[in-house]
C-alpha atoms as a PDB file:
ATOM      1  CA  THR A   1      -0.007   0.011   0.019  1.00  0.00           C
ATOM      2  CA  PHE A   2       1.174   3.530  -0.823  1.00  0.00           C
ATOM      3  CA  PHE A   3      -0.045   6.873   0.483  1.00  0.00           C
ATOM      4  CA  PHE A   4       0.048  10.194  -1.421  1.00  0.00           C
ATOM      5  CA  THR A   5      -1.269  13.680  -0.735  1.00  0.00           C
ATOM      6  CA  ASP A   6      -4.118  14.459  -3.098  1.00  0.00           C
ATOM      7  CA  LYS A   7      -2.911  17.245  -5.409  1.00  0.00           C
ATOM      8  CA  SER A   8      -6.506  17.941  -6.578  1.00  0.00           C
ATOM      9  CA  GLY A   9      -7.342  19.200  -3.059  1.00  0.00           C
ATOM     10  CA  GLU A  10     -10.549  17.136  -2.955  1.00  0.00           C
ATOM     11  CA  ASN A  11      -9.151  14.784  -0.298  1.00  0.00           C
ATOM     12  CA  ARG A  12      -6.108  14.879   1.917  1.00  0.00           C
ATOM     13  CA  ILE A  13      -4.666  11.415   1.265  1.00  0.00           C
ATOM     14  CA  LEU A  14      -4.998   8.840  -1.518  1.00  0.00           C
ATOM     15  CA  LYS A  15      -4.286   5.195  -0.658  1.00  0.00           C
ATOM     16  CA  CYS A  16      -3.101   3.186  -3.697  1.00  0.00           C
ATOM     17  CA  ASN A  17      -2.270  -0.421  -4.314  1.00  0.00           C
ATOM     18  CA  ARG A  18       0.863  -1.721  -6.046  1.00  0.00           C
ATOM     19  CA  ASP A  19      -0.761  -1.272  -9.452  1.00  0.00           C
ATOM     20  CA  GLY A  20      -1.238   2.437  -8.821  1.00  0.00           C
ATOM     21  CA  GLU A  21      -4.994   2.136  -8.450  1.00  0.00           C
ATOM     22  CA  ILE A  22      -6.656   4.336  -5.892  1.00  0.00           C
ATOM     23  CA  ILE A  23      -8.271   2.092  -3.274  1.00  0.00           C
ATOM     24  CA  ASP A  24      -9.280   4.730  -0.716  1.00  0.00           C
ATOM     25  CA  LYS A  25      -9.614   8.486  -0.341  1.00  0.00           C
ATOM     26  CA  ILE A  26      -8.974   9.795   3.182  1.00  0.00           C
ATOM     27  CA  GLY A  27      -9.913  13.038   4.820  1.00  0.00           C
ATOM     28  CA  ARG A  28      -9.883  16.650   3.700  1.00  0.00           C
ATOM     29  CA  ILE A  29      -7.289  19.420   3.979  1.00  0.00           C
ATOM     30  CA  PRO A  30      -7.823  20.665   7.570  1.00  0.00           C
ATOM     31  CA  ILE A  31      -8.448  24.353   6.877  1.00  0.00           C
ATOM     32  CA  LYS A  32     -10.507  26.248   9.387  1.00  0.00           C
ATOM     33  CA  ARG A  33     -12.408  28.334   6.879  1.00  0.00           C
ATOM     34  CA  GLU A  34     -14.740  27.582   3.982  1.00  0.00           C
ATOM     35  CA  ILE A  35     -13.473  28.023   0.446  1.00  0.00           C
ATOM     36  CA  ASP A  36     -14.892  27.815  -2.989  1.00  0.00           C
ATOM     37  CA  LYS A  37     -14.375  24.293  -4.432  1.00  0.00           C
ATOM     38  CA  THR A  38     -12.844  25.798  -7.574  1.00  0.00           C
ATOM     39  CA  MET A  39      -9.917  26.766  -5.318  1.00  0.00           C
ATOM     40  CA  ASN A  40      -9.150  23.175  -4.271  1.00  0.00           C
ATOM     41  CA  GLY A  41      -6.115  22.843  -6.548  1.00  0.00           C
ATOM     42  CA  ILE A  42      -4.564  26.132  -5.300  1.00  0.00           C
ATOM     43  CA  LEU A  43      -5.278  25.051  -1.736  1.00  0.00           C
ATOM     44  CA  ALA A  44      -3.552  21.684  -2.332  1.00  0.00           C
ATOM     45  CA  ARG A  45      -0.414  23.480  -3.636  1.00  0.00           C
ATOM     46  CA  ALA A  46      -0.303  25.747  -0.595  1.00  0.00           C
ATOM     47  CA  TRP A  47      -0.801  22.722   1.700  1.00  0.00           C
ATOM     48  CA  ASN A  48       1.951  20.703  -0.021  1.00  0.00           C
ATOM     49  CA  SER A  49       3.216  18.358   2.676  1.00  0.00           C
ATOM     50  CA  TYR A  50       5.748  15.740   3.649  1.00  0.00           C
ATOM     51  CA  LEU A  51       4.399  12.440   4.752  1.00  0.00           C
ATOM     52  CA  ASN A  52       5.769   9.223   6.214  1.00  0.00           C
ATOM     53  CA  PHE A  53       4.021   5.946   7.055  1.00  0.00           C
ATOM     54  CA  ASN A  54       5.352   3.303   9.401  1.00  0.00           C
ATOM     55  CA  PRO A  55       3.589   0.026   8.610  1.00  0.00           C
ATOM     56  CA  LYS A  56       4.795  -1.620  11.876  1.00  0.00           C
ATOM     57  CA  VAL A  57       2.932   0.881  14.060  1.00  0.00           C
ATOM     58  CA  GLN A  58       0.360   1.791  11.414  1.00  0.00           C
ATOM     59  CA  ILE A  59       0.924   5.552  11.856  1.00  0.00           C
ATOM     60  CA  LEU A  60       0.884   7.990   8.972  1.00  0.00           C
ATOM     61  CA  ALA A  61       2.214  11.505   9.773  1.00  0.00           C
ATOM     62  CA  ILE A  62       1.902  14.606   7.544  1.00  0.00           C
ATOM     63  CA  ALA A  63       3.632  17.952   8.009  1.00  0.00           C
ATOM     64  CA  THR A  64       3.045  21.076   5.906  1.00  0.00           C
ATOM     65  CA  GLN A  65       5.901  22.555   3.864  1.00  0.00           C
ATOM     66  CA  LEU A  66       4.435  26.004   4.561  1.00  0.00           C
ATOM     67  CA  GLY A  67       2.933  27.062   7.866  1.00  0.00           C
ATOM     68  CA  ASP A  68       2.861  24.941  11.054  1.00  0.00           C
ATOM     69  CA  VAL A  69       0.347  22.141  10.717  1.00  0.00           C
ATOM     70  CA  PHE A  70       1.014  18.525  11.673  1.00  0.00           C
ATOM     71  CA  GLU A  71      -1.426  15.650  11.140  1.00  0.00           C
ATOM     72  CA  ILE A  72      -1.454  12.081  12.451  1.00  0.00           C
ATOM     73  CA  TYR A  73      -3.567   9.212  11.094  1.00  0.00           C
ATOM     74  CA  ASN A  74      -3.653   6.004  13.114  1.00  0.00           C
ATOM     75  CA  ILE A  75      -4.585   3.502  10.406  1.00  0.00           C
ATOM     76  CA  LYS A  76      -5.306   0.727  12.974  1.00  0.00           C
ATOM     77  CA  ASN A  77      -8.177   2.529  14.699  1.00  0.00           C
ATOM     78  CA  ASN A  78      -8.996   5.323  12.195  1.00  0.00           C
ATOM     79  CA  ALA A  79      -8.005   7.982  14.728  1.00  0.00           C
ATOM     80  CA  TYR A  80      -7.076  11.336  13.282  1.00  0.00           C
ATOM     81  CA  ARG A  81      -5.506  14.340  14.916  1.00  0.00           C
ATOM     82  CA  VAL A  82      -4.500  17.805  13.631  1.00  0.00           C
ATOM     83  CA  ILE A  83      -1.995  19.875  15.549  1.00  0.00           C
ATOM     84  CA  TYR A  84      -1.853  23.587  14.631  1.00  0.00           C
ATOM     85  CA  GLY A  85       1.432  25.061  15.809  1.00  0.00           C
ATOM     86  CA  PRO A  86       1.863  28.719  16.841  1.00  0.00           C
ATOM     87  CA  LYS A  87       2.301  29.849  13.178  1.00  0.00           C
ATOM     88  CA  GLY A  88      -0.881  28.072  12.120  1.00  0.00           C
ATOM     89  CA  GLU A  89      -2.095  27.205   8.592  1.00  0.00           C
ATOM     90  CA  PRO A  90      -0.078  27.909   5.457  1.00  0.00           C
ATOM     91  CA  GLU A  91      -0.527  31.530   4.442  1.00  0.00           C
ATOM     92  CA  TYR A  92      -0.597  32.489   0.760  1.00  0.00           C
ATOM     93  CA  LYS A  93      -2.119  34.856  -1.742  1.00  0.00           C
ATOM     94  CA  VAL A  94      -3.434  33.867  -5.138  1.00  0.00           C
ATOM     95  CA  SER A  95      -1.726  35.340  -8.178  1.00  0.00           C
ATOM     96  CA  ARG A  96      -3.662  36.519 -11.240  1.00  0.00           C
ATOM     97  CA  ASP A  97      -2.727  33.352 -13.111  1.00  0.00           C
ATOM     98  CA  GLY A  98      -4.038  31.108 -10.291  1.00  0.00           C
ATOM     99  CA  TYR A  99      -0.935  30.150  -8.393  1.00  0.00           C
ATOM    100  CA  SER A 100      -0.493  30.233  -4.630  1.00  0.00           C
ATOM    101  CA  ILE A 101       2.317  32.568  -3.499  1.00  0.00           C
ATOM    102  CA  PRO A 102       3.530  31.873  -0.007  1.00  0.00           C
ATOM    103  CA  THR A 103       3.369  34.803   2.473  1.00  0.00           C
ATOM    104  CA  GLY A 104       3.761  33.149   5.855  1.00  0.00           C
ATOM    105  CA  ILE A 105       6.589  30.877   6.977  1.00  0.00           C
ATOM    106  CA  MET A 106       8.600  27.926   5.688  1.00  0.00           C
ATOM    107  CA  GLY A 107       7.350  25.048   7.783  1.00  0.00           C
ATOM    108  CA  TYR A 108       8.481  21.456   7.921  1.00  0.00           C
ATOM    109  CA  GLY A 109      11.268  19.941   5.784  1.00  0.00           C
ATOM    110  CA  ASP A 110      10.943  16.170   6.404  1.00  0.00           C
ATOM    111  CA  ILE A 111       9.193  13.748   8.726  1.00  0.00           C
ATOM    112  CA  GLN A 112       9.774  10.150   9.869  1.00  0.00           C
ATOM    113  CA  VAL A 113       7.595   7.889  12.022  1.00  0.00           C
ATOM    114  CA  THR A 114       9.688   5.417  14.070  1.00  0.00           C
ATOM    115  CA  SER A 115       8.547   2.642  16.424  1.00  0.00           C
ATOM    116  CA  LYS A 116       8.682   5.119  19.312  1.00  0.00           C
ATOM    117  CA  TYR A 117       8.223   8.623  18.072  1.00  0.00           C
ATOM    118  CA  ILE A 118       7.563  11.035  15.163  1.00  0.00           C
ATOM    119  CA  TYR A 119      10.555  13.183  14.156  1.00  0.00           C
ATOM    120  CA  ALA A 120      10.075  16.360  12.011  1.00  0.00           C
ATOM    121  CA  VAL A 121      12.516  18.920  10.650  1.00  0.00           C
ATOM    122  CA  PHE A 122      11.144  22.468  11.191  1.00  0.00           C
ATOM    123  CA  ASN A 123      12.303  25.721   9.631  1.00  0.00           C
ATOM    124  CA  GLY A 124      10.031  28.497  10.944  1.00  0.00           C
ATOM    125  CA  ARG A 125      11.610  31.388   8.934  1.00  0.00           C
ATOM    126  CA  SER A 126       9.158  33.919   7.527  1.00  0.00           C
ATOM    127  CA  PHE A 127       9.180  34.652   3.799  1.00  0.00           C
ATOM    128  CA  LYS A 128       9.624  38.317   4.707  1.00  0.00           C
ATOM    129  CA  GLU A 129      12.829  37.389   6.529  1.00  0.00           C
ATOM    130  CA  ILE A 130      14.003  35.058   3.739  1.00  0.00           C
ATOM    131  CA  MET A 131      13.454  37.729   1.056  1.00  0.00           C
ATOM    132  CA  LYS A 132      15.684  40.229   2.901  1.00  0.00           C
ATOM    133  CA  ASP A 133      18.723  38.122   1.962  1.00  0.00           C
ATOM    134  CA  PRO A 134      17.681  35.020  -0.021  1.00  0.00           C
ATOM    135  CA  GLN A 135      21.245  34.201  -1.187  1.00  0.00           C
ATOM    136  CA  ASN A 136      22.515  33.901   2.353  1.00  0.00           C
ATOM    137  CA  THR A 137      19.482  32.306   4.006  1.00  0.00           C
ATOM    138  CA  PRO A 138      20.247  28.642   4.567  1.00  0.00           C
ATOM    139  CA  GLN A 139      17.844  26.031   3.184  1.00  0.00           C
ATOM    140  CA  GLY A 140      16.214  23.657   5.698  1.00  0.00           C
ATOM    141  CA  GLY A 141      15.715  23.975   9.438  1.00  0.00           C
ATOM    142  CA  GLU A 142      17.806  23.822  12.560  1.00  0.00           C
ATOM    143  CA  ASN A 143      15.013  22.337  14.659  1.00  0.00           C
ATOM    144  CA  LEU A 144      14.223  18.670  14.990  1.00  0.00           C
ATOM    145  CA  LEU A 145      10.864  18.290  16.741  1.00  0.00           C
ATOM    146  CA  VAL A 146       9.971  15.017  18.412  1.00  0.00           C
ATOM    147  CA  TYR A 147       6.394  13.959  19.126  1.00  0.00           C
ATOM    148  CA  ASP A 148       4.772  10.796  20.492  1.00  0.00           C
ATOM    149  CA  HIS A 149       2.426   8.803  18.244  1.00  0.00           C
ATOM    150  CA  ASN A 150      -0.546  10.830  19.536  1.00  0.00           C
ATOM    151  CA  GLY A 151       1.101  14.163  18.589  1.00  0.00           C
ATOM    152  CA  ALA A 152       2.122  15.250  22.102  1.00  0.00           C
ATOM    153  CA  PRO A 153       5.453  17.113  21.952  1.00  0.00           C
ATOM    154  CA  ILE A 154       8.384  15.253  23.586  1.00  0.00           C
ATOM    155  CA  CYS A 155      11.271  17.607  22.903  1.00  0.00           C
ATOM    156  CA  LYS A 156      12.853  20.049  20.457  1.00  0.00           C
ATOM    157  CA  LEU A 157      16.488  19.458  19.388  1.00  0.00           C
ATOM    158  CA  LYS A 158      18.383  22.551  18.232  1.00  0.00           C
ATOM    159  CA  LEU A 159      20.974  21.402  15.654  1.00  0.00           C
ATOM    160  CA  ASP A 160      24.234  22.984  14.603  1.00  0.00           C
ATOM    161  CA  HIS A 161      23.341  22.572  10.886  1.00  0.00           C
ATOM    162  CA  SER A 162      20.329  23.685   8.885  1.00  0.00           C
ATOM    163  CA  ILE A 163      19.077  20.325   7.563  1.00  0.00           C
ATOM    164  CA  SER A 164      16.607  19.275   4.895  1.00  0.00           C
ATOM    165  CA  GLY A 165      16.136  15.553   5.268  1.00  0.00           C
ATOM    166  CA  ILE A 166      16.454  12.938   8.024  1.00  0.00           C
ATOM    167  CA  HIS A 167      16.824   9.199   8.529  1.00  0.00           C
ATOM    168  CA  ILE A 168      16.326   8.069  12.159  1.00  0.00           C
ATOM    169  CA  ASP A 169      17.960   4.809  13.315  1.00  0.00           C
ATOM    170  CA  GLU A 170      16.694   4.276  16.852  1.00  0.00           C
ATOM    171  CA  GLU A 171      18.234   0.772  17.018  1.00  0.00           C
ATOM    172  CA  ASN A 172      21.765   2.224  16.742  1.00  0.00           C
ATOM    173  CA  GLY A 173      20.982   5.480  18.535  1.00  0.00           C
ATOM    174  CA  ILE A 174      21.896   7.745  15.563  1.00  0.00           C
ATOM    175  CA  PHE A 175      20.293   9.778  12.798  1.00  0.00           C
ATOM    176  CA  TRP A 176      21.549  11.038   9.494  1.00  0.00           C
ATOM    177  CA  ALA A 177      20.636  14.428   8.138  1.00  0.00           C
ATOM    178  CA  THR A 178      21.214  16.211   4.805  1.00  0.00           C
ATOM    179  CA  ASP A 179      22.657  19.668   4.812  1.00  0.00           C
ATOM    180  CA  VAL A 180      22.334  21.098   1.265  1.00  0.00           C
ATOM    181  CA  ASN A 181      24.135  24.278   2.300  1.00  0.00           C
ATOM    182  CA  SER A 182      27.440  22.509   2.799  1.00  0.00           C
ATOM    183  CA  GLU A 183      30.019  20.700   0.637  1.00  0.00           C
ATOM    184  CA  GLU A 184      29.766  17.783   3.100  1.00  0.00           C
ATOM    185  CA  GLN A 185      26.035  17.169   2.810  1.00  0.00           C
ATOM    186  CA  ILE A 186      25.577  14.160   5.079  1.00  0.00           C
ATOM    187  CA  VAL A 187      25.656  14.916   8.828  1.00  0.00           C
ATOM    188  CA  LEU A 188      25.597  12.256  11.565  1.00  0.00           C
ATOM    189  CA  TYR A 189      24.079  12.865  15.014  1.00  0.00           C
ATOM    190  CA  GLU A 190      23.544  10.764  18.157  1.00  0.00           C
ATOM    191  CA  ILE A 191      20.020  10.519  19.357  1.00  0.00           C
ATOM    192  CA  PRO A 192      19.798  11.883  22.924  1.00  0.00           C
ATOM    193  CA  LYS A 193      19.685   9.095  25.436  1.00  0.00           C
ATOM    194  CA  GLN A 194      16.364  10.152  26.875  1.00  0.00           C
ATOM    195  CA  LEU A 195      14.777   9.282  23.473  1.00  0.00           C
ATOM    196  CA  LEU A 196      16.167   5.708  23.324  1.00  0.00           C
END
């Protein structure tokens, strides 16, 4: 089984089989306001997200590339939770030719569900701040947020690199991260003992 975000904006997630056939449509984009259905495609682009599914624990986690929204689907019991962070929903304006132009913050950069936790890279820089000096603003985020499988925050790790992607290896107590701002793009960290 494979999970994808629905780029049409009609649903939140599409569940597909190995032949690429849609076998289920799950949820809606969790906006707090009503919009015209003709805007679904623009909304889906603004809510572009990273997702990760761990089949062992049957948890699917989704984090928005813009804004500060984090979603958890427990596939075993159909439980669903949305966590709106302090910066809230993705903010954008619609251009004349129908594209969404981000106006809020860069949000999450990657997400991974492990047997114990959910790890998410978070940026948090505003587009206003980025546009002041785009050439010298690092890509990625320096914050690795850790949640339990119900979405309760466990801790926030402040890193010495601005990272884009992660691979968590709880068994060996380490995680790899990608730093696209550096010549040495693979960074290795130890997972803090309290998380093991």
